[in-house]
Amino acid sequence: MTLRVVVVDDEPLPRQRVRDLVSQHPSLSLVGEATNGTEALDAMVELRPDLAFLDIQMPELDGLQVAAALAEDAPPAIVFVTAFDEYAIRAFEVDAIDYLLKPVTPERFAAAVDRVLKRIERPEASAQGSIQALATRMAHDQGFATRFVARRGAKHYFVRVADIDWVEAVGNYVRLQTGETSHLVRETMKGLETRLDPAHFVRIHRSAIVAIDRIRSIEAREHGEYLVTMGSGARLVSSRGYTERVRRLLR
């Protein structure tokens, strides 16, 4: 079995190091590389690799965000590469994915590839779900989000949290509404809520979260509900279970 590989790292020397190790391994074939998260997403969509060696610490869009953005596809097996072993410790605790600590050694590289090959040969033991769960959890651990990555067709869009008016649940996705434009992101409302700063966003319904500064007016209705009118004119109704959260805004 030969795995098609993409190497992602914003630093030339570590990227060259992993690229050389890939070229020397009999079960790997390098099909592409990327120098940042944006290029990485494009490469995953275009090349459909079997395995990606993905650096975590990158500007703009880091490796964890790239992994989370690939959740709606059939993503490649992912081995994260990092200079910080705190990430590795958390990964090993759940035994979800492999990590390579910089500088990458041939022995450790070979062991990671062997682990990937074994998982691919045994689909029932696939850890892809754990990869996405861990990537999302670790991204959450880094603090409140400043932007999300949404996909439409073969393109990826970066949605700034500061531009979001409100969020609503749509099946297995959430819709981020920014002005007259909306973007779908594969995420749960609960997961997305934890990534939004409660000083700027409030959940008013099981299926709706609104940006506090974009609220134009709040009107009390029957049965403890409220009609929330946004600056754009859109109207959202709160549910009784979230009444207290809306009332706090009026104090």
C-alpha atoms as a PDB file:
ATOM      1  CA  MET A   1       0.000   0.000   0.000  1.00  0.00           C
ATOM      2  CA  THR A   2       1.304   3.432  -0.993  1.00  0.00           C
ATOM      3  CA  LEU A   3      -0.173   6.485   0.704  1.00  0.00           C
ATOM      4  CA  ARG A   4      -0.465   9.816  -1.100  1.00  0.00           C
ATOM      5  CA  VAL A   5       0.940  12.494   1.217  1.00  0.00           C
ATOM      6  CA  VAL A   6       0.691  16.257   1.669  1.00  0.00           C
ATOM      7  CA  VAL A   7       3.152  18.094   3.940  1.00  0.00           C
ATOM      8  CA  VAL A   8       2.103  21.377   5.558  1.00  0.00           C
ATOM      9  CA  ASP A   9       4.425  23.706   7.471  1.00  0.00           C
ATOM     10  CA  ASP A  10       5.023  27.446   7.265  1.00  0.00           C
ATOM     11  CA  GLU A  11       8.721  27.025   8.078  1.00  0.00           C
ATOM     12  CA  PRO A  12      10.931  25.901   5.143  1.00  0.00           C
ATOM     13  CA  LEU A  13      13.444  23.779   7.064  1.00  0.00           C
ATOM     14  CA  PRO A  14      10.945  21.625   9.054  1.00  0.00           C
ATOM     15  CA  ARG A  15       8.861  21.230   5.891  1.00  0.00           C
ATOM     16  CA  GLN A  16      11.937  20.063   3.973  1.00  0.00           C
ATOM     17  CA  ARG A  17      12.781  17.651   6.793  1.00  0.00           C
ATOM     18  CA  VAL A  18       9.390  15.928   6.667  1.00  0.00           C
ATOM     19  CA  ARG A  19       9.393  16.014   2.875  1.00  0.00           C
ATOM     20  CA  ASP A  20      12.743  14.185   2.818  1.00  0.00           C
ATOM     21  CA  LEU A  21      11.474  11.551   5.246  1.00  0.00           C
ATOM     22  CA  VAL A  22       8.387  11.030   3.093  1.00  0.00           C
ATOM     23  CA  SER A  23      10.510  10.536  -0.032  1.00  0.00           C
ATOM     24  CA  GLN A  24      12.644   7.931   1.760  1.00  0.00           C
ATOM     25  CA  HIS A  25       9.698   5.853   2.998  1.00  0.00           C
ATOM     26  CA  PRO A  26       8.664   2.998   0.665  1.00  0.00           C
ATOM     27  CA  SER A  27       4.967   3.299   1.546  1.00  0.00           C
ATOM     28  CA  LEU A  28       4.645   7.045   0.966  1.00  0.00           C
ATOM     29  CA  SER A  29       4.387   9.217  -2.119  1.00  0.00           C
ATOM     30  CA  LEU A  30       4.543  13.014  -1.844  1.00  0.00           C
ATOM     31  CA  VAL A  31       1.804  14.609  -3.959  1.00  0.00           C
ATOM     32  CA  GLY A  32       1.843  18.148  -2.592  1.00  0.00           C
ATOM     33  CA  GLU A  33       2.877  20.603   0.085  1.00  0.00           C
ATOM     34  CA  ALA A  34       1.556  23.813   1.577  1.00  0.00           C
ATOM     35  CA  THR A  35       3.054  26.686   3.520  1.00  0.00           C
ATOM     36  CA  ASN A  36      -0.043  27.812   5.437  1.00  0.00           C
ATOM     37  CA  GLY A  37      -3.537  26.735   6.464  1.00  0.00           C
ATOM     38  CA  THR A  38      -5.273  28.277   3.483  1.00  0.00           C
ATOM     39  CA  GLU A  39      -3.040  26.444   1.015  1.00  0.00           C
ATOM     40  CA  ALA A  40      -3.513  23.282   3.076  1.00  0.00           C
ATOM     41  CA  LEU A  41      -7.300  23.384   2.698  1.00  0.00           C
ATOM     42  CA  ASP A  42      -6.987  23.922  -1.046  1.00  0.00           C
ATOM     43  CA  ALA A  43      -4.515  21.032  -1.311  1.00  0.00           C
ATOM     44  CA  MET A  44      -6.792  18.659   0.622  1.00  0.00           C
ATOM     45  CA  VAL A  45      -9.722  19.426  -1.679  1.00  0.00           C
ATOM     46  CA  GLU A  46      -7.721  19.285  -4.910  1.00  0.00           C
ATOM     47  CA  LEU A  47      -5.324  16.412  -4.226  1.00  0.00           C
ATOM     48  CA  ARG A  48      -7.368  14.193  -1.874  1.00  0.00           C
ATOM     49  CA  PRO A  49      -4.304  12.787  -0.072  1.00  0.00           C
ATOM     50  CA  ASP A  50      -4.437   9.699   2.134  1.00  0.00           C
ATOM     51  CA  LEU A  51      -2.208  11.252   4.778  1.00  0.00           C
ATOM     52  CA  ALA A  52      -1.279  14.786   5.829  1.00  0.00           C
ATOM     53  CA  PHE A  53       1.602  15.850   8.037  1.00  0.00           C
ATOM     54  CA  LEU A  54       0.142  19.030   9.460  1.00  0.00           C
ATOM     55  CA  ASP A  55       2.012  21.674  11.418  1.00  0.00           C
ATOM     56  CA  ILE A  56      -0.003  23.183  14.267  1.00  0.00           C
ATOM     57  CA  GLN A  57       1.654  26.534  14.835  1.00  0.00           C
ATOM     58  CA  MET A  58       0.916  28.543  11.698  1.00  0.00           C
ATOM     59  CA  PRO A  59      -0.217  32.170  11.309  1.00  0.00           C
ATOM     60  CA  GLU A  60      -3.778  33.056  10.329  1.00  0.00           C
ATOM     61  CA  LEU A  61      -5.151  29.494  10.172  1.00  0.00           C
ATOM     62  CA  ASP A  62      -3.444  26.864  12.318  1.00  0.00           C
ATOM     63  CA  GLY A  63      -3.358  23.104  11.922  1.00  0.00           C
ATOM     64  CA  LEU A  64      -6.179  22.490  14.399  1.00  0.00           C
ATOM     65  CA  GLN A  65      -8.465  24.845  12.501  1.00  0.00           C
ATOM     66  CA  VAL A  66      -7.566  23.128   9.236  1.00  0.00           C
ATOM     67  CA  ALA A  67      -8.472  19.727  10.701  1.00  0.00           C
ATOM     68  CA  ALA A  68     -11.762  21.056  12.068  1.00  0.00           C
ATOM     69  CA  ALA A  69     -12.631  22.625   8.701  1.00  0.00           C
ATOM     70  CA  LEU A  70     -12.217  19.253   6.995  1.00  0.00           C
ATOM     71  CA  ALA A  71     -14.882  17.624   9.169  1.00  0.00           C
ATOM     72  CA  GLU A  72     -17.567  17.694   6.468  1.00  0.00           C
ATOM     73  CA  ASP A  73     -15.374  15.849   3.976  1.00  0.00           C
ATOM     74  CA  ALA A  74     -13.674  12.463   4.062  1.00  0.00           C
ATOM     75  CA  PRO A  75     -10.421  13.921   5.398  1.00  0.00           C
ATOM     76  CA  PRO A  76      -7.020  12.248   5.192  1.00  0.00           C
ATOM     77  CA  ALA A  77      -5.335  10.571   8.116  1.00  0.00           C
ATOM     78  CA  ILE A  78      -3.637  13.363  10.030  1.00  0.00           C
ATOM     79  CA  VAL A  79      -0.337  13.384  11.884  1.00  0.00           C
ATOM     80  CA  PHE A  80       0.225  16.705  13.586  1.00  0.00           C
ATOM     81  CA  VAL A  81       3.724  18.163  13.783  1.00  0.00           C
ATOM     82  CA  THR A  82       4.625  20.582  16.564  1.00  0.00           C
ATOM     83  CA  ALA A  83       7.485  21.963  18.610  1.00  0.00           C
ATOM     84  CA  PHE A  84       5.341  22.029  21.753  1.00  0.00           C
ATOM     85  CA  ASP A  85       4.885  18.753  23.573  1.00  0.00           C
ATOM     86  CA  GLU A  86       1.819  19.881  25.545  1.00  0.00           C
ATOM     87  CA  TYR A  87      -0.195  19.191  22.406  1.00  0.00           C
ATOM     88  CA  ALA A  88       1.291  15.724  22.120  1.00  0.00           C
ATOM     89  CA  ILE A  89       0.500  14.917  25.726  1.00  0.00           C
ATOM     90  CA  ARG A  90      -3.159  15.714  25.247  1.00  0.00           C
ATOM     91  CA  ALA A  91      -3.278  13.674  22.046  1.00  0.00           C
ATOM     92  CA  PHE A  92      -1.713  10.624  23.645  1.00  0.00           C
ATOM     93  CA  GLU A  93      -4.114  10.845  26.577  1.00  0.00           C
ATOM     94  CA  VAL A  94      -7.039  10.020  24.315  1.00  0.00           C
ATOM     95  CA  ASP A  95      -4.987   7.821  21.955  1.00  0.00           C
ATOM     96  CA  ALA A  96      -6.719   9.522  19.050  1.00  0.00           C
ATOM     97  CA  ILE A  97      -4.004  10.648  16.660  1.00  0.00           C
ATOM     98  CA  ASP A  98      -0.241  10.676  16.381  1.00  0.00           C
ATOM     99  CA  TYR A  99       2.101  13.579  16.853  1.00  0.00           C
ATOM    100  CA  LEU A 100       5.628  14.282  15.728  1.00  0.00           C
ATOM    101  CA  LEU A 101       7.681  16.615  17.863  1.00  0.00           C
ATOM    102  CA  LYS A 102      10.195  18.836  16.112  1.00  0.00           C
ATOM    103  CA  PRO A 103      12.925  18.097  15.207  1.00  0.00           C
ATOM    104  CA  VAL A 104      11.417  14.977  13.663  1.00  0.00           C
ATOM    105  CA  THR A 105      13.584  11.873  13.901  1.00  0.00           C
ATOM    106  CA  PRO A 106      13.528   9.058  11.319  1.00  0.00           C
ATOM    107  CA  GLU A 107      12.606   6.517  14.011  1.00  0.00           C
ATOM    108  CA  ARG A 108       9.653   8.497  15.307  1.00  0.00           C
ATOM    109  CA  PHE A 109       8.521   9.281  11.771  1.00  0.00           C
ATOM    110  CA  ALA A 110       8.574   5.592  10.818  1.00  0.00           C
ATOM    111  CA  ALA A 111       6.580   4.685  13.920  1.00  0.00           C
ATOM    112  CA  ALA A 112       3.918   7.279  13.091  1.00  0.00           C
ATOM    113  CA  VAL A 113       3.587   6.008   9.522  1.00  0.00           C
ATOM    114  CA  ASP A 114       3.333   2.431  10.753  1.00  0.00           C
ATOM    115  CA  ARG A 115       0.522   3.450  13.072  1.00  0.00           C
ATOM    116  CA  VAL A 116      -1.337   5.174  10.239  1.00  0.00           C
ATOM    117  CA  LEU A 117      -0.948   2.147   7.954  1.00  0.00           C
ATOM    118  CA  LYS A 118      -2.354  -0.173  10.607  1.00  0.00           C
ATOM    119  CA  ARG A 119      -5.386   2.031  11.118  1.00  0.00           C
ATOM    120  CA  ILE A 120      -6.064   2.313   7.411  1.00  0.00           C
ATOM    121  CA  GLU A 121      -5.817  -1.463   7.039  1.00  0.00           C
ATOM    122  CA  ARG A 122      -8.393  -1.833   9.831  1.00  0.00           C
ATOM    123  CA  PRO A 123     -11.255   0.571   8.992  1.00  0.00           C
ATOM    124  CA  GLU A 124     -13.171  -0.508  12.064  1.00  0.00           C
ATOM    125  CA  ALA A 125     -10.363   0.898  14.169  1.00  0.00           C
ATOM    126  CA  SER A 126     -10.346   4.229  12.362  1.00  0.00           C
ATOM    127  CA  ALA A 127      -9.735   7.162  14.646  1.00  0.00           C
ATOM    128  CA  GLN A 128     -10.987   9.823  12.254  1.00  0.00           C
ATOM    129  CA  GLY A 129     -13.926  10.700  14.468  1.00  0.00           C
ATOM    130  CA  SER A 130     -11.543  11.064  17.380  1.00  0.00           C
ATOM    131  CA  ILE A 131      -9.250  13.197  15.243  1.00  0.00           C
ATOM    132  CA  GLN A 132     -12.029  15.659  14.547  1.00  0.00           C
ATOM    133  CA  ALA A 133     -13.236  15.606  18.155  1.00  0.00           C
ATOM    134  CA  LEU A 134      -9.723  16.187  19.474  1.00  0.00           C
ATOM    135  CA  ALA A 135      -8.986  18.908  16.931  1.00  0.00           C
ATOM    136  CA  THR A 136     -12.182  20.696  17.875  1.00  0.00           C
ATOM    137  CA  ARG A 137     -11.562  20.298  21.622  1.00  0.00           C
ATOM    138  CA  MET A 138      -8.011  21.567  21.356  1.00  0.00           C
ATOM    139  CA  ALA A 139      -9.111  24.479  19.186  1.00  0.00           C
ATOM    140  CA  HIS A 140     -11.630  25.332  21.917  1.00  0.00           C
ATOM    141  CA  ASP A 141      -8.870  25.151  24.521  1.00  0.00           C
ATOM    142  CA  GLN A 142      -7.037  27.933  22.724  1.00  0.00           C
ATOM    143  CA  GLY A 143      -9.766  30.449  23.643  1.00  0.00           C
ATOM    144  CA  PHE A 144     -12.705  32.131  21.947  1.00  0.00           C
ATOM    145  CA  ALA A 145     -12.746  31.966  18.163  1.00  0.00           C
ATOM    146  CA  THR A 146     -11.969  35.020  16.074  1.00  0.00           C
ATOM    147  CA  ARG A 147     -13.148  33.433  12.830  1.00  0.00           C
ATOM    148  CA  PHE A 148     -14.584  30.256  11.342  1.00  0.00           C
ATOM    149  CA  VAL A 149     -13.865  28.416   8.115  1.00  0.00           C
ATOM    150  CA  ALA A 150     -16.899  27.680   5.948  1.00  0.00           C
ATOM    151  CA  ARG A 151     -16.913  25.741   2.714  1.00  0.00           C
ATOM    152  CA  ARG A 152     -19.028  26.293  -0.370  1.00  0.00           C
ATOM    153  CA  GLY A 153     -18.261  23.918  -3.213  1.00  0.00           C
ATOM    154  CA  ALA A 154     -14.500  23.765  -3.667  1.00  0.00           C
ATOM    155  CA  LYS A 155     -13.915  27.136  -1.989  1.00  0.00           C
ATOM    156  CA  HIS A 156     -13.250  27.933   1.648  1.00  0.00           C
ATOM    157  CA  TYR A 157     -14.447  31.165   3.185  1.00  0.00           C
ATOM    158  CA  PHE A 158     -13.130  32.814   6.320  1.00  0.00           C
ATOM    159  CA  VAL A 159     -15.923  34.284   8.416  1.00  0.00           C
ATOM    160  CA  ARG A 160     -14.854  36.783  11.069  1.00  0.00           C
ATOM    161  CA  VAL A 161     -16.700  36.416  14.345  1.00  0.00           C
ATOM    162  CA  ALA A 162     -16.932  40.213  14.475  1.00  0.00           C
ATOM    163  CA  ASP A 163     -19.061  40.098  11.291  1.00  0.00           C
ATOM    164  CA  ILE A 164     -21.614  37.566  12.559  1.00  0.00           C
ATOM    165  CA  ASP A 165     -25.131  38.894  13.233  1.00  0.00           C
ATOM    166  CA  TRP A 166     -26.665  35.653  14.419  1.00  0.00           C
ATOM    167  CA  VAL A 167     -26.270  31.888  14.228  1.00  0.00           C
ATOM    168  CA  GLU A 168     -28.962  29.275  13.694  1.00  0.00           C
ATOM    169  CA  ALA A 169     -29.036  25.497  13.584  1.00  0.00           C
ATOM    170  CA  VAL A 170     -29.634  23.810  10.223  1.00  0.00           C
ATOM    171  CA  GLY A 171     -29.611  20.023  10.567  1.00  0.00           C
ATOM    172  CA  ASN A 172     -26.027  18.886  11.165  1.00  0.00           C
ATOM    173  CA  TYR A 173     -24.749  22.373  10.373  1.00  0.00           C
ATOM    174  CA  VAL A 174     -24.981  25.882  11.772  1.00  0.00           C
ATOM    175  CA  ARG A 175     -25.639  28.907   9.592  1.00  0.00           C
ATOM    176  CA  LEU A 176     -23.533  31.992  10.249  1.00  0.00           C
ATOM    177  CA  GLN A 177     -25.449  35.065   9.124  1.00  0.00           C
ATOM    178  CA  THR A 178     -23.294  38.065   8.171  1.00  0.00           C
ATOM    179  CA  GLY A 179     -25.377  40.854   6.692  1.00  0.00           C
ATOM    180  CA  GLU A 180     -27.138  39.451   3.634  1.00  0.00           C
ATOM    181  CA  THR A 181     -24.675  36.560   3.322  1.00  0.00           C
ATOM    182  CA  SER A 182     -24.836  33.232   5.146  1.00  0.00           C
ATOM    183  CA  HIS A 183     -22.267  30.459   5.546  1.00  0.00           C
ATOM    184  CA  LEU A 184     -22.761  26.859   6.634  1.00  0.00           C
ATOM    185  CA  VAL A 185     -20.298  25.290   9.053  1.00  0.00           C
ATOM    186  CA  ARG A 186     -20.422  21.676  10.188  1.00  0.00           C
ATOM    187  CA  GLU A 187     -20.660  22.216  13.936  1.00  0.00           C
ATOM    188  CA  THR A 188     -23.158  21.750  16.744  1.00  0.00           C
ATOM    189  CA  MET A 189     -24.826  24.696  18.432  1.00  0.00           C
ATOM    190  CA  LYS A 190     -23.377  23.590  21.758  1.00  0.00           C
ATOM    191  CA  GLY A 191     -19.869  23.344  20.329  1.00  0.00           C
ATOM    192  CA  LEU A 192     -20.104  26.681  18.559  1.00  0.00           C
ATOM    193  CA  GLU A 193     -21.537  28.391  21.647  1.00  0.00           C
ATOM    194  CA  THR A 194     -18.440  27.449  23.643  1.00  0.00           C
ATOM    195  CA  ARG A 195     -16.277  29.153  21.019  1.00  0.00           C
ATOM    196  CA  LEU A 196     -18.165  32.459  21.133  1.00  0.00           C
ATOM    197  CA  ASP A 197     -17.418  35.061  23.794  1.00  0.00           C
ATOM    198  CA  PRO A 198     -20.516  35.356  26.034  1.00  0.00           C
ATOM    199  CA  ALA A 199     -19.741  39.054  26.448  1.00  0.00           C
ATOM    200  CA  HIS A 200     -20.680  39.498  22.799  1.00  0.00           C
ATOM    201  CA  PHE A 201     -23.101  36.652  22.018  1.00  0.00           C
ATOM    202  CA  VAL A 202     -26.166  35.257  23.765  1.00  0.00           C
ATOM    203  CA  ARG A 203     -28.135  32.109  23.065  1.00  0.00           C
ATOM    204  CA  ILE A 204     -31.848  32.911  22.943  1.00  0.00           C
ATOM    205  CA  HIS A 205     -33.160  29.605  21.633  1.00  0.00           C
ATOM    206  CA  ARG A 206     -32.004  26.009  21.278  1.00  0.00           C
ATOM    207  CA  SER A 207     -31.476  26.855  17.603  1.00  0.00           C
ATOM    208  CA  ALA A 208     -30.363  30.499  17.743  1.00  0.00           C
ATOM    209  CA  ILE A 209     -27.472  32.602  19.045  1.00  0.00           C
ATOM    210  CA  VAL A 210     -27.360  36.356  18.423  1.00  0.00           C
ATOM    211  CA  ALA A 211     -24.669  39.029  18.528  1.00  0.00           C
ATOM    212  CA  ILE A 212     -25.632  41.342  21.385  1.00  0.00           C
ATOM    213  CA  ASP A 213     -24.382  44.502  19.676  1.00  0.00           C
ATOM    214  CA  ARG A 214     -26.509  43.722  16.584  1.00  0.00           C
ATOM    215  CA  ILE A 215     -29.792  43.667  18.513  1.00  0.00           C
ATOM    216  CA  ARG A 216     -32.072  46.607  17.674  1.00  0.00           C
ATOM    217  CA  SER A 217     -34.921  45.873  20.078  1.00  0.00           C
ATOM    218  CA  ILE A 218     -36.372  43.262  22.429  1.00  0.00           C
ATOM    219  CA  GLU A 219     -40.141  42.939  22.912  1.00  0.00           C
ATOM    220  CA  ALA A 220     -41.836  40.793  25.542  1.00  0.00           C
ATOM    221  CA  ARG A 221     -44.406  38.296  24.303  1.00  0.00           C
ATOM    222  CA  GLU A 222     -46.661  35.751  25.937  1.00  0.00           C
ATOM    223  CA  HIS A 223     -45.444  32.720  27.907  1.00  0.00           C
ATOM    224  CA  GLY A 224     -42.075  34.257  28.749  1.00  0.00           C
ATOM    225  CA  GLU A 225     -40.918  34.567  25.147  1.00  0.00           C
ATOM    226  CA  TYR A 226     -39.263  37.593  23.587  1.00  0.00           C
ATOM    227  CA  LEU A 227     -39.212  38.942  20.049  1.00  0.00           C
ATOM    228  CA  VAL A 228     -35.637  39.922  19.239  1.00  0.00           C
ATOM    229  CA  THR A 229     -35.265  42.264  16.282  1.00  0.00           C
ATOM    230  CA  MET A 230     -31.799  42.564  14.775  1.00  0.00           C
ATOM    231  CA  GLY A 231     -30.281  45.643  13.198  1.00  0.00           C
ATOM    232  CA  SER A 232     -30.851  44.104   9.769  1.00  0.00           C
ATOM    233  CA  GLY A 233     -34.571  43.848  10.483  1.00  0.00           C
ATOM    234  CA  ALA A 234     -34.516  40.071  10.967  1.00  0.00           C
ATOM    235  CA  ARG A 235     -36.770  38.837  13.774  1.00  0.00           C
ATOM    236  CA  LEU A 236     -35.988  35.932  16.055  1.00  0.00           C
ATOM    237  CA  VAL A 237     -38.142  34.563  18.871  1.00  0.00           C
ATOM    238  CA  SER A 238     -36.555  33.375  22.098  1.00  0.00           C
ATOM    239  CA  SER A 239     -37.758  30.215  23.822  1.00  0.00           C
ATOM    240  CA  ARG A 240     -38.827  29.898  27.455  1.00  0.00           C
ATOM    241  CA  GLY A 241     -35.744  27.877  28.333  1.00  0.00           C
ATOM    242  CA  TYR A 242     -33.543  30.885  27.510  1.00  0.00           C
ATOM    243  CA  THR A 243     -35.778  33.609  28.975  1.00  0.00           C
ATOM    244  CA  GLU A 244     -33.391  34.487  31.798  1.00  0.00           C
ATOM    245  CA  ARG A 245     -30.527  35.025  29.365  1.00  0.00           C
ATOM    246  CA  VAL A 246     -32.600  37.561  27.430  1.00  0.00           C
ATOM    247  CA  ARG A 247     -33.770  39.263  30.626  1.00  0.00           C
ATOM    248  CA  ARG A 248     -30.156  39.822  31.664  1.00  0.00           C
ATOM    249  CA  LEU A 249     -29.725  41.988  28.574  1.00  0.00           C
ATOM    250  CA  LEU A 250     -32.492  44.278  29.797  1.00  0.00           C
ATOM    251  CA  ARG A 251     -30.995  44.931  33.227  1.00  0.00           C
END
